[in-house]
Amino acid sequence: MTFISGYLALFFYLTTIGLIAVQVKSALDHEDTPFNSWIRISWISAIVCHAIILFSPLLSNQSLHLDFFTAASHVAWITSLLLLITTWSRQVHVLGLIILPLAVASLIASHLNMDTTTTAINGPLATHILLSLLGYSFLFLATLQALLVRFQNQHLHNHKPGGIIRALPSLQDMEHLLFRLLLTGTLLLYAGLVTGFIFLDDLFGQHVLHKTVLTIIALAIYTTLLLGHWKFGWRGKLAVKWTLIAFALLILAYFGSKFVYEFLLR
């Protein structure tokens, strides 16, 4: 079942990427083409098939694969789902040209990975993992949104509002969405950290100390940025810069530590 689902997920993801590319090309050609419903149908199909692969161990023996590549696949899946939901209210489907290829790459990498170790999941641990993955995914989407805001800002300042910029909402709406994503992701990551302190015993253990410290530093940066936006109106290049720095720390905290532990120290 998961074998077939894997091929179907790849097929639907690649189909969705192709359809989005056609949509973006229409925008570049100055054609006002409405969002194609076939994109959403293909996208939903890819997400469903991807979910079957990720969560089949949970249904069969209450465990999950949480190795480096499968964890990346979880984040890519959640981010793809969040972006799909966002496209119902915002024209940000162009981000699919970045996120969906990453989902494809993570699917292929997790399939080729020889690590078959699973982690038993109970209620408290599942809560911690879910909150953490949701937080990472929202902040990943916020990081891509920040890059898109920077791209849009540069083109508008250079008086080049044509092309792909025409397919995006206004810069004000784009920045509003950016800070909504940052706020949601930060709150979820705080919740993940708090549940980790409550339910786990070794958040400051030797193997995870750097992960915890880097996560706390990243959360401090996100919090400062959100407070600065609320109190002093921070936005634009400053918001993009610190969003990228904070997310780089999160990548080092989670995936950097997993890479070192699974591929170097092993």
C-alpha atoms as a PDB file:
ATOM      1  CA  MET A   1       0.000   0.000   0.000  1.00  0.00           C
ATOM      2  CA  THR A   2       2.733   2.479   1.010  1.00  0.00           C
ATOM      3  CA  PHE A   3       4.769   1.457  -2.055  1.00  0.00           C
ATOM      4  CA  ILE A   4       1.913   2.411  -4.391  1.00  0.00           C
ATOM      5  CA  SER A   5       1.167   5.532  -2.342  1.00  0.00           C
ATOM      6  CA  GLY A   6       4.775   6.647  -2.768  1.00  0.00           C
ATOM      7  CA  TYR A   7       4.613   6.538  -6.541  1.00  0.00           C
ATOM      8  CA  LEU A   8       1.205   8.225  -6.538  1.00  0.00           C
ATOM      9  CA  ALA A   9       2.472  10.969  -4.229  1.00  0.00           C
ATOM     10  CA  LEU A  10       5.409  11.634  -6.549  1.00  0.00           C
ATOM     11  CA  PHE A  11       3.121  11.677  -9.572  1.00  0.00           C
ATOM     12  CA  PHE A  12       0.650  14.118  -8.018  1.00  0.00           C
ATOM     13  CA  TYR A  13       3.377  16.356  -6.617  1.00  0.00           C
ATOM     14  CA  LEU A  14       5.092  16.588 -10.008  1.00  0.00           C
ATOM     15  CA  THR A  15       1.740  17.198 -11.710  1.00  0.00           C
ATOM     16  CA  THR A  16       0.976  19.993  -9.250  1.00  0.00           C
ATOM     17  CA  ILE A  17       4.391  21.567  -9.823  1.00  0.00           C
ATOM     18  CA  GLY A  18       3.762  21.515 -13.569  1.00  0.00           C
ATOM     19  CA  LEU A  19       0.310  23.072 -13.223  1.00  0.00           C
ATOM     20  CA  ILE A  20       1.625  25.819 -10.911  1.00  0.00           C
ATOM     21  CA  ALA A  21       4.447  26.522 -13.370  1.00  0.00           C
ATOM     22  CA  VAL A  22       1.878  26.977 -16.140  1.00  0.00           C
ATOM     23  CA  GLN A  23      -0.092  29.316 -13.858  1.00  0.00           C
ATOM     24  CA  VAL A  24       3.012  31.388 -13.084  1.00  0.00           C
ATOM     25  CA  LYS A  25       3.955  31.535 -16.774  1.00  0.00           C
ATOM     26  CA  SER A  26       0.518  32.964 -17.525  1.00  0.00           C
ATOM     27  CA  ALA A  27       1.210  35.689 -14.970  1.00  0.00           C
ATOM     28  CA  LEU A  28       4.571  36.402 -16.585  1.00  0.00           C
ATOM     29  CA  ASP A  29       2.795  36.703 -19.938  1.00  0.00           C
ATOM     30  CA  HIS A  30       0.438  39.295 -18.386  1.00  0.00           C
ATOM     31  CA  GLU A  31      -2.534  36.949 -18.530  1.00  0.00           C
ATOM     32  CA  ASP A  32      -5.010  37.121 -15.644  1.00  0.00           C
ATOM     33  CA  THR A  33      -5.678  33.396 -15.297  1.00  0.00           C
ATOM     34  CA  PRO A  34      -7.825  32.273 -12.322  1.00  0.00           C
ATOM     35  CA  PHE A  35      -6.356  29.698  -9.947  1.00  0.00           C
ATOM     36  CA  ASN A  36      -6.861  26.334 -11.612  1.00  0.00           C
ATOM     37  CA  SER A  37      -9.045  23.972  -9.569  1.00  0.00           C
ATOM     38  CA  TRP A  38      -7.061  21.055 -11.016  1.00  0.00           C
ATOM     39  CA  ILE A  39      -4.047  22.337  -9.076  1.00  0.00           C
ATOM     40  CA  ARG A  40      -5.889  21.902  -5.788  1.00  0.00           C
ATOM     41  CA  ILE A  41      -7.229  18.461  -6.753  1.00  0.00           C
ATOM     42  CA  SER A  42      -3.731  17.247  -7.659  1.00  0.00           C
ATOM     43  CA  TRP A  43      -2.229  18.918  -4.597  1.00  0.00           C
ATOM     44  CA  ILE A  44      -4.752  17.332  -2.211  1.00  0.00           C
ATOM     45  CA  SER A  45      -4.154  13.928  -3.805  1.00  0.00           C
ATOM     46  CA  ALA A  46      -0.391  14.289  -3.298  1.00  0.00           C
ATOM     47  CA  ILE A  47      -0.829  15.262   0.352  1.00  0.00           C
ATOM     48  CA  VAL A  48      -3.164  12.322   1.049  1.00  0.00           C
ATOM     49  CA  CYS A  49      -0.765   9.820  -0.534  1.00  0.00           C
ATOM     50  CA  HIS A  50       2.182  11.386   1.299  1.00  0.00           C
ATOM     51  CA  ALA A  51       0.284  11.117   4.606  1.00  0.00           C
ATOM     52  CA  ILE A  52      -0.350   7.391   4.056  1.00  0.00           C
ATOM     53  CA  ILE A  53       3.408   6.837   3.768  1.00  0.00           C
ATOM     54  CA  LEU A  54       4.291   8.900   6.839  1.00  0.00           C
ATOM     55  CA  PHE A  55       1.614   7.679   9.223  1.00  0.00           C
ATOM     56  CA  SER A  56       1.144   4.017   8.261  1.00  0.00           C
ATOM     57  CA  PRO A  57       3.586   2.912  11.044  1.00  0.00           C
ATOM     58  CA  LEU A  58       1.512   4.914  13.538  1.00  0.00           C
ATOM     59  CA  LEU A  59      -1.640   3.036  12.540  1.00  0.00           C
ATOM     60  CA  SER A  60       0.005  -0.388  12.474  1.00  0.00           C
ATOM     61  CA  ASN A  61       2.185  -0.361  15.619  1.00  0.00           C
ATOM     62  CA  GLN A  62       1.864   3.110  17.208  1.00  0.00           C
ATOM     63  CA  SER A  63       5.310   4.246  16.128  1.00  0.00           C
ATOM     64  CA  LEU A  64       6.876   6.684  13.660  1.00  0.00           C
ATOM     65  CA  HIS A  65      10.012   6.878  11.582  1.00  0.00           C
ATOM     66  CA  LEU A  66      11.848   9.964  12.896  1.00  0.00           C
ATOM     67  CA  ASP A  67      15.218   9.620  11.214  1.00  0.00           C
ATOM     68  CA  PHE A  68      16.783  12.623   9.446  1.00  0.00           C
ATOM     69  CA  PHE A  69      15.133  12.189   6.033  1.00  0.00           C
ATOM     70  CA  THR A  70      11.724  11.085   7.301  1.00  0.00           C
ATOM     71  CA  ALA A  71      11.621  13.990   9.773  1.00  0.00           C
ATOM     72  CA  ALA A  72      12.354  16.301   6.832  1.00  0.00           C
ATOM     73  CA  SER A  73       9.535  14.566   4.944  1.00  0.00           C
ATOM     74  CA  HIS A  74       7.148  15.264   7.860  1.00  0.00           C
ATOM     75  CA  VAL A  75       8.047  18.963   7.791  1.00  0.00           C
ATOM     76  CA  ALA A  76       7.690  19.106   3.991  1.00  0.00           C
ATOM     77  CA  TRP A  77       4.284  17.396   4.199  1.00  0.00           C
ATOM     78  CA  ILE A  78       2.936  19.751   6.875  1.00  0.00           C
ATOM     79  CA  THR A  79       4.341  22.799   5.065  1.00  0.00           C
ATOM     80  CA  SER A  80       2.721  21.679   1.805  1.00  0.00           C
ATOM     81  CA  LEU A  81      -0.597  21.257   3.607  1.00  0.00           C
ATOM     82  CA  LEU A  82      -0.324  24.683   5.255  1.00  0.00           C
ATOM     83  CA  LEU A  83       0.512  26.340   1.943  1.00  0.00           C
ATOM     84  CA  LEU A  84      -2.429  24.624   0.231  1.00  0.00           C
ATOM     85  CA  ILE A  85      -4.771  25.937   2.943  1.00  0.00           C
ATOM     86  CA  THR A  86      -3.265  29.419   2.570  1.00  0.00           C
ATOM     87  CA  THR A  87      -3.937  29.477  -1.191  1.00  0.00           C
ATOM     88  CA  TRP A  88      -7.678  29.586  -0.465  1.00  0.00           C
ATOM     89  CA  SER A  89      -7.290  33.130   0.896  1.00  0.00           C
ATOM     90  CA  ARG A  90      -3.979  34.366  -0.601  1.00  0.00           C
ATOM     91  CA  GLN A  91      -2.419  34.036  -4.037  1.00  0.00           C
ATOM     92  CA  VAL A  92       0.845  32.574  -2.794  1.00  0.00           C
ATOM     93  CA  HIS A  93       0.792  29.335  -4.779  1.00  0.00           C
ATOM     94  CA  VAL A  94       4.094  30.394  -6.369  1.00  0.00           C
ATOM     95  CA  LEU A  95       5.727  29.154  -3.144  1.00  0.00           C
ATOM     96  CA  GLY A  96       4.662  25.691  -4.260  1.00  0.00           C
ATOM     97  CA  LEU A  97       7.480  25.817  -6.805  1.00  0.00           C
ATOM     98  CA  ILE A  98       9.858  25.732  -3.819  1.00  0.00           C
ATOM     99  CA  ILE A  99       8.025  23.629  -1.247  1.00  0.00           C
ATOM    100  CA  LEU A 100       6.670  20.859  -3.485  1.00  0.00           C
ATOM    101  CA  PRO A 101      10.065  19.977  -5.046  1.00  0.00           C
ATOM    102  CA  LEU A 102      11.394  19.755  -1.476  1.00  0.00           C
ATOM    103  CA  ALA A 103       8.527  17.383  -0.645  1.00  0.00           C
ATOM    104  CA  VAL A 104       9.470  15.266  -3.675  1.00  0.00           C
ATOM    105  CA  ALA A 105      13.145  15.235  -2.663  1.00  0.00           C
ATOM    106  CA  SER A 106      12.306  14.274   0.934  1.00  0.00           C
ATOM    107  CA  LEU A 107      10.045  11.452  -0.267  1.00  0.00           C
ATOM    108  CA  ILE A 108      12.757  10.010  -2.496  1.00  0.00           C
ATOM    109  CA  ALA A 109      15.457  10.416   0.168  1.00  0.00           C
ATOM    110  CA  SER A 110      13.369   8.780   2.900  1.00  0.00           C
ATOM    111  CA  HIS A 111      12.568   5.895   0.534  1.00  0.00           C
ATOM    112  CA  LEU A 112      16.253   5.334  -0.307  1.00  0.00           C
ATOM    113  CA  ASN A 113      17.331   5.645   3.332  1.00  0.00           C
ATOM    114  CA  MET A 114      18.183   2.270   4.856  1.00  0.00           C
ATOM    115  CA  ASP A 115      17.310   3.296   8.437  1.00  0.00           C
ATOM    116  CA  THR A 116      14.132   1.410   9.414  1.00  0.00           C
ATOM    117  CA  THR A 117      14.210   2.360  13.108  1.00  0.00           C
ATOM    118  CA  THR A 118      10.889   3.512  14.530  1.00  0.00           C
ATOM    119  CA  THR A 119      10.100   5.438  17.706  1.00  0.00           C
ATOM    120  CA  ALA A 120       7.226   4.292  19.904  1.00  0.00           C
ATOM    121  CA  ILE A 121       4.706   7.099  20.301  1.00  0.00           C
ATOM    122  CA  ASN A 122       2.584   7.729  23.388  1.00  0.00           C
ATOM    123  CA  GLY A 123       0.217  10.613  24.106  1.00  0.00           C
ATOM    124  CA  PRO A 124       2.656  13.080  25.725  1.00  0.00           C
ATOM    125  CA  LEU A 125       5.425  12.381  23.233  1.00  0.00           C
ATOM    126  CA  ALA A 126       2.986  12.667  20.324  1.00  0.00           C
ATOM    127  CA  THR A 127       1.860  16.065  21.643  1.00  0.00           C
ATOM    128  CA  HIS A 128       5.457  17.303  21.870  1.00  0.00           C
ATOM    129  CA  ILE A 129       6.341  16.016  18.387  1.00  0.00           C
ATOM    130  CA  LEU A 130       3.173  17.389  16.772  1.00  0.00           C
ATOM    131  CA  LEU A 131       3.587  20.860  18.284  1.00  0.00           C
ATOM    132  CA  SER A 132       7.272  20.971  17.354  1.00  0.00           C
ATOM    133  CA  LEU A 133       6.691  19.839  13.760  1.00  0.00           C
ATOM    134  CA  LEU A 134       3.828  22.314  13.344  1.00  0.00           C
ATOM    135  CA  GLY A 135       6.027  25.089  14.723  1.00  0.00           C
ATOM    136  CA  TYR A 136       8.910  24.206  12.390  1.00  0.00           C
ATOM    137  CA  SER A 137       6.540  24.013   9.422  1.00  0.00           C
ATOM    138  CA  PHE A 138       4.872  27.366  10.081  1.00  0.00           C
ATOM    139  CA  LEU A 139       8.265  29.019  10.522  1.00  0.00           C
ATOM    140  CA  PHE A 140       9.611  27.327   7.385  1.00  0.00           C
ATOM    141  CA  LEU A 141       6.650  28.695   5.451  1.00  0.00           C
ATOM    142  CA  ALA A 142       7.249  32.102   7.074  1.00  0.00           C
ATOM    143  CA  THR A 143      10.887  31.988   5.939  1.00  0.00           C
ATOM    144  CA  LEU A 144       9.875  31.328   2.336  1.00  0.00           C
ATOM    145  CA  GLN A 145       7.245  34.057   2.648  1.00  0.00           C
ATOM    146  CA  ALA A 146       9.961  36.439   3.887  1.00  0.00           C
ATOM    147  CA  LEU A 147      12.074  35.685   0.823  1.00  0.00           C
ATOM    148  CA  LEU A 148       9.075  36.333  -1.401  1.00  0.00           C
ATOM    149  CA  VAL A 149       8.410  39.635   0.397  1.00  0.00           C
ATOM    150  CA  ARG A 150      12.037  40.635  -0.150  1.00  0.00           C
ATOM    151  CA  PHE A 151      11.791  39.756  -3.847  1.00  0.00           C
ATOM    152  CA  GLN A 152       8.536  41.703  -4.195  1.00  0.00           C
ATOM    153  CA  ASN A 153       9.932  44.684  -2.276  1.00  0.00           C
ATOM    154  CA  GLN A 154      13.020  44.879  -4.491  1.00  0.00           C
ATOM    155  CA  HIS A 155      10.993  44.792  -7.700  1.00  0.00           C
ATOM    156  CA  LEU A 156       8.577  47.453  -6.495  1.00  0.00           C
ATOM    157  CA  HIS A 157      11.418  49.733  -5.412  1.00  0.00           C
ATOM    158  CA  ASN A 158      13.056  49.236  -8.809  1.00  0.00           C
ATOM    159  CA  HIS A 159       9.728  50.162 -10.461  1.00  0.00           C
ATOM    160  CA  LYS A 160       9.387  46.700 -12.033  1.00  0.00           C
ATOM    161  CA  PRO A 161       5.967  45.556 -10.834  1.00  0.00           C
ATOM    162  CA  GLY A 162       5.288  43.303 -13.806  1.00  0.00           C
ATOM    163  CA  GLY A 163       5.808  39.595 -14.307  1.00  0.00           C
ATOM    164  CA  ILE A 164       5.405  37.327 -11.316  1.00  0.00           C
ATOM    165  CA  ILE A 165       4.716  40.314  -9.030  1.00  0.00           C
ATOM    166  CA  ARG A 166       1.319  40.653 -10.705  1.00  0.00           C
ATOM    167  CA  ALA A 167       0.388  37.194  -9.434  1.00  0.00           C
ATOM    168  CA  LEU A 168       1.007  38.180  -5.800  1.00  0.00           C
ATOM    169  CA  PRO A 169      -1.181  40.086  -3.325  1.00  0.00           C
ATOM    170  CA  SER A 170      -0.161  43.601  -2.318  1.00  0.00           C
ATOM    171  CA  LEU A 171       3.080  44.030  -0.365  1.00  0.00           C
ATOM    172  CA  GLN A 172       1.082  45.077   2.700  1.00  0.00           C
ATOM    173  CA  ASP A 173      -0.972  41.872   2.570  1.00  0.00           C
ATOM    174  CA  MET A 174       2.177  39.801   2.029  1.00  0.00           C
ATOM    175  CA  GLU A 175       3.851  41.298   5.105  1.00  0.00           C
ATOM    176  CA  HIS A 176       0.661  40.835   7.125  1.00  0.00           C
ATOM    177  CA  LEU A 177       0.665  37.142   6.193  1.00  0.00           C
ATOM    178  CA  LEU A 178       4.376  36.902   7.071  1.00  0.00           C
ATOM    179  CA  PHE A 179       3.830  38.117  10.622  1.00  0.00           C
ATOM    180  CA  ARG A 180       0.756  35.915  11.062  1.00  0.00           C
ATOM    181  CA  LEU A 181       2.879  32.900  10.107  1.00  0.00           C
ATOM    182  CA  LEU A 182       5.683  34.036  12.420  1.00  0.00           C
ATOM    183  CA  LEU A 183       3.306  34.509  15.337  1.00  0.00           C
ATOM    184  CA  THR A 184       1.600  31.142  14.858  1.00  0.00           C
ATOM    185  CA  GLY A 185       4.879  29.272  14.378  1.00  0.00           C
ATOM    186  CA  THR A 186       6.503  30.935  17.392  1.00  0.00           C
ATOM    187  CA  LEU A 187       3.569  30.136  19.693  1.00  0.00           C
ATOM    188  CA  LEU A 188       3.536  26.506  18.508  1.00  0.00           C
ATOM    189  CA  LEU A 189       7.275  26.170  19.007  1.00  0.00           C
ATOM    190  CA  TYR A 190       6.978  27.633  22.517  1.00  0.00           C
ATOM    191  CA  ALA A 191       4.264  25.058  23.206  1.00  0.00           C
ATOM    192  CA  GLY A 192       6.508  22.312  21.836  1.00  0.00           C
ATOM    193  CA  LEU A 193       9.377  23.444  24.067  1.00  0.00           C
ATOM    194  CA  VAL A 194       7.147  23.633  27.149  1.00  0.00           C
ATOM    195  CA  THR A 195       5.722  20.136  26.540  1.00  0.00           C
ATOM    196  CA  GLY A 196       9.275  18.916  26.079  1.00  0.00           C
ATOM    197  CA  PHE A 197      10.227  20.266  29.515  1.00  0.00           C
ATOM    198  CA  ILE A 198       7.114  18.675  31.023  1.00  0.00           C
ATOM    199  CA  PHE A 199       7.120  15.271  29.336  1.00  0.00           C
ATOM    200  CA  LEU A 200      10.812  14.637  28.563  1.00  0.00           C
ATOM    201  CA  ASP A 201      13.618  14.208  31.048  1.00  0.00           C
ATOM    202  CA  ASP A 202      16.721  14.998  29.008  1.00  0.00           C
ATOM    203  CA  LEU A 203      16.187  18.333  27.206  1.00  0.00           C
ATOM    204  CA  PHE A 204      19.500  19.480  28.690  1.00  0.00           C
ATOM    205  CA  GLY A 205      21.195  16.129  28.233  1.00  0.00           C
ATOM    206  CA  GLN A 206      24.554  15.858  26.503  1.00  0.00           C
ATOM    207  CA  HIS A 207      23.121  14.861  23.103  1.00  0.00           C
ATOM    208  CA  VAL A 208      20.369  17.498  22.968  1.00  0.00           C
ATOM    209  CA  LEU A 209      21.786  20.431  24.946  1.00  0.00           C
ATOM    210  CA  HIS A 210      22.831  22.361  21.812  1.00  0.00           C
ATOM    211  CA  LYS A 211      19.432  21.654  20.245  1.00  0.00           C
ATOM    212  CA  THR A 212      17.590  23.101  23.238  1.00  0.00           C
ATOM    213  CA  VAL A 213      19.877  26.138  23.535  1.00  0.00           C
ATOM    214  CA  LEU A 214      19.709  26.995  19.807  1.00  0.00           C
ATOM    215  CA  THR A 215      15.923  26.606  19.845  1.00  0.00           C
ATOM    216  CA  ILE A 216      15.641  28.990  22.804  1.00  0.00           C
ATOM    217  CA  ILE A 217      17.878  31.548  21.041  1.00  0.00           C
ATOM    218  CA  ALA A 218      15.777  31.280  17.860  1.00  0.00           C
ATOM    219  CA  LEU A 219      12.585  31.739  19.878  1.00  0.00           C
ATOM    220  CA  ALA A 220      14.106  34.815  21.550  1.00  0.00           C
ATOM    221  CA  ILE A 221      14.822  36.306  18.108  1.00  0.00           C
ATOM    222  CA  TYR A 222      11.318  35.548  16.831  1.00  0.00           C
ATOM    223  CA  THR A 223       9.781  37.026  19.989  1.00  0.00           C
ATOM    224  CA  THR A 224      11.897  40.190  19.744  1.00  0.00           C
ATOM    225  CA  LEU A 225      10.958  40.598  16.084  1.00  0.00           C
ATOM    226  CA  LEU A 226       7.241  40.171  16.793  1.00  0.00           C
ATOM    227  CA  LEU A 227       7.362  42.618  19.709  1.00  0.00           C
ATOM    228  CA  GLY A 228       9.335  45.095  17.591  1.00  0.00           C
ATOM    229  CA  HIS A 229       6.770  44.809  14.811  1.00  0.00           C
ATOM    230  CA  TRP A 230       3.918  45.377  17.262  1.00  0.00           C
ATOM    231  CA  LYS A 231       5.586  48.197  19.211  1.00  0.00           C
ATOM    232  CA  PHE A 232       7.823  49.948  16.661  1.00  0.00           C
ATOM    233  CA  GLY A 233       6.453  48.784  13.304  1.00  0.00           C
ATOM    234  CA  TRP A 234       9.519  46.745  12.304  1.00  0.00           C
ATOM    235  CA  ARG A 235       9.065  45.319   8.812  1.00  0.00           C
ATOM    236  CA  GLY A 236      10.733  45.100   5.414  1.00  0.00           C
ATOM    237  CA  LYS A 237      14.433  44.186   5.213  1.00  0.00           C
ATOM    238  CA  LEU A 238      14.831  44.061   8.998  1.00  0.00           C
ATOM    239  CA  ALA A 239      12.025  41.518   9.373  1.00  0.00           C
ATOM    240  CA  VAL A 240      13.360  39.397   6.505  1.00  0.00           C
ATOM    241  CA  LYS A 241      16.920  39.443   7.901  1.00  0.00           C
ATOM    242  CA  TRP A 242      16.012  38.282  11.396  1.00  0.00           C
ATOM    243  CA  THR A 243      13.486  35.743  10.119  1.00  0.00           C
ATOM    244  CA  LEU A 244      16.251  34.103   8.085  1.00  0.00           C
ATOM    245  CA  ILE A 245      18.740  34.180  10.972  1.00  0.00           C
ATOM    246  CA  ALA A 246      16.262  32.655  13.428  1.00  0.00           C
ATOM    247  CA  PHE A 247      15.264  29.880  11.030  1.00  0.00           C
ATOM    248  CA  ALA A 248      18.923  29.085  10.300  1.00  0.00           C
ATOM    249  CA  LEU A 249      19.363  28.515  14.047  1.00  0.00           C
ATOM    250  CA  LEU A 250      16.346  26.193  14.065  1.00  0.00           C
ATOM    251  CA  ILE A 251      17.785  24.198  11.170  1.00  0.00           C
ATOM    252  CA  LEU A 252      21.070  23.843  13.073  1.00  0.00           C
ATOM    253  CA  ALA A 253      19.196  22.948  16.238  1.00  0.00           C
ATOM    254  CA  TYR A 254      17.114  20.114  14.841  1.00  0.00           C
ATOM    255  CA  PHE A 255      18.359  18.869  11.503  1.00  0.00           C
ATOM    256  CA  GLY A 256      21.968  19.839  12.143  1.00  0.00           C
ATOM    257  CA  SER A 257      22.055  17.794  15.334  1.00  0.00           C
ATOM    258  CA  LYS A 258      20.250  14.851  13.698  1.00  0.00           C
ATOM    259  CA  PHE A 259      22.700  14.899  10.785  1.00  0.00           C
ATOM    260  CA  VAL A 260      25.723  14.867  13.089  1.00  0.00           C
ATOM    261  CA  TYR A 261      24.254  12.142  15.299  1.00  0.00           C
ATOM    262  CA  GLU A 262      22.948   9.863  12.516  1.00  0.00           C
ATOM    263  CA  PHE A 263      25.633  10.267   9.844  1.00  0.00           C
ATOM    264  CA  LEU A 264      28.838  11.394  11.575  1.00  0.00           C
ATOM    265  CA  LEU A 265      28.826  10.024  15.122  1.00  0.00           C
ATOM    266  CA  ARG A 266      27.158   6.757  14.114  1.00  0.00           C
END
